[in-house]
């Protein structure tokens, strides 16, 4: 495990997908034990389209950034906000 900027970008994406999977497993287990099947996985497809795809577009635009740090900062702010969204969603599922 290293701590270069590229590695932190990968770790951010792993955290997003990991929290997305944890949130899905919690909601799926809760609906399984209640005996109701809820199509919550459609929300995750929407989240991939609205949250993950724009982060990947930002990553692909980094080579054309003249400063080299503006799009990286936008990526990390967006990544941290998505991570915070899923942490709050997981916390809300337990209340």
Protein backbone atom coordinates (compact mmCIF):
# COMPACT_ATOMS: atom_id res chain seq x y z
CA UNK A 1 0.00 0.00 0.00
CA UNK A 2 1.46 3.29 -1.07
CA UNK A 3 0.31 6.83 -0.58
CA UNK A 4 0.69 8.53 -3.93
CA UNK A 5 -2.08 10.68 -5.34
CA UNK A 6 -3.08 8.03 -7.89
CA UNK A 7 -3.37 5.43 -5.16
CA UNK A 8 -5.60 7.69 -3.08
CA UNK A 9 -7.86 8.13 -6.10
CA UNK A 10 -8.17 4.36 -6.42
CA UNK A 11 -8.79 4.00 -2.67
CA UNK A 12 -11.55 6.60 -2.92
CA UNK A 13 -13.27 4.61 -5.67
CA UNK A 14 -12.87 1.38 -3.67
CA UNK A 15 -14.44 3.07 -0.65
CA UNK A 16 -17.39 4.23 -2.75
CA UNK A 17 -18.02 0.76 -4.19
CA UNK A 18 -17.44 -0.91 -0.82
CA UNK A 19 -19.94 1.32 0.95
CA UNK A 20 -22.37 0.84 -1.93
CA UNK A 21 -22.12 -2.95 -1.51
CA UNK A 22 -22.49 -2.73 2.29
CA UNK A 23 -25.57 -0.53 1.92
CA UNK A 24 -27.06 -2.97 -0.59
CA UNK A 25 -26.41 -6.00 1.62
CA UNK A 26 -27.99 -4.29 4.64
CA UNK A 27 -31.11 -3.26 2.71
CA UNK A 28 -31.37 -6.67 1.03
CA UNK A 29 -31.02 -8.53 4.34
CA UNK A 30 -33.59 -6.27 5.99
CA UNK A 31 -36.11 -6.84 3.20
CA UNK A 32 -35.36 -10.58 3.24
CA UNK A 33 -36.06 -10.91 6.96
CA UNK A 34 -39.22 -8.82 6.68
CA UNK A 35 -40.48 -11.07 3.89
CA UNK A 36 -40.86 -8.30 1.35
CA UNK A 37 -38.87 -8.01 -1.82
CA UNK A 38 -38.00 -4.44 -2.58
CA UNK A 39 -36.38 -3.44 -5.85
CA UNK A 40 -33.72 -1.37 -4.13
CA UNK A 41 -31.08 -2.44 -6.60
CA UNK A 42 -32.52 -0.05 -9.17
CA UNK A 43 -31.49 2.84 -6.94
CA UNK A 44 -27.91 1.54 -7.02
CA UNK A 45 -27.89 1.58 -10.81
CA UNK A 46 -29.03 5.20 -10.65
CA UNK A 47 -26.34 5.97 -8.08
CA UNK A 48 -23.66 4.51 -10.35
CA UNK A 49 -24.93 6.71 -13.18
CA UNK A 50 -25.21 9.87 -11.06
CA UNK A 51 -22.20 9.50 -8.72
CA UNK A 52 -19.59 7.09 -10.09
CA UNK A 53 -19.73 7.95 -13.78
CA UNK A 54 -19.10 11.69 -13.23
CA UNK A 55 -16.08 10.83 -11.06
CA UNK A 56 -14.72 8.66 -13.87
CA UNK A 57 -15.29 11.50 -16.35
CA UNK A 58 -13.34 13.82 -14.04
CA UNK A 59 -10.51 11.27 -13.90
CA UNK A 60 -10.41 11.08 -17.69
CA UNK A 61 -10.26 14.89 -17.95
CA UNK A 62 -7.27 15.29 -15.59
CA UNK A 63 -4.67 15.22 -18.43
CA UNK A 64 -6.22 18.32 -20.01
CA UNK A 65 -6.23 20.28 -16.75
CA UNK A 66 -3.65 23.05 -17.16
CA UNK A 67 -3.00 23.38 -13.42
CA UNK A 68 -2.99 19.68 -12.62
CA UNK A 69 -4.72 20.08 -9.29
CA UNK A 70 -8.18 21.61 -9.90
CA UNK A 71 -9.82 18.45 -11.26
CA UNK A 72 -8.02 16.31 -8.68
CA UNK A 73 -9.49 18.51 -5.94
CA UNK A 74 -12.95 18.30 -7.52
CA UNK A 75 -12.58 14.51 -7.71
CA UNK A 76 -11.71 14.20 -4.02
CA UNK A 77 -14.49 16.57 -2.93
CA UNK A 78 -16.97 14.57 -5.01
CA UNK A 79 -15.61 11.26 -3.74
CA UNK A 80 -15.75 12.33 -0.10
CA UNK A 81 -19.31 13.60 -0.55
CA UNK A 82 -20.42 10.27 -2.05
CA UNK A 83 -18.69 8.39 0.79
CA UNK A 84 -20.44 10.63 3.32
CA UNK A 85 -23.79 10.03 1.58
CA UNK A 86 -23.42 6.26 1.89
CA UNK A 87 -22.21 6.42 5.50
CA UNK A 88 -25.29 8.47 6.39
CA UNK A 89 -27.54 6.08 4.43
CA UNK A 90 -26.10 3.10 6.29
CA UNK A 91 -26.57 4.90 9.60
CA UNK A 92 -30.16 5.71 8.66
CA UNK A 93 -30.93 2.05 7.88
CA UNK A 94 -30.09 1.08 11.46
CA UNK A 95 -32.42 3.66 13.01
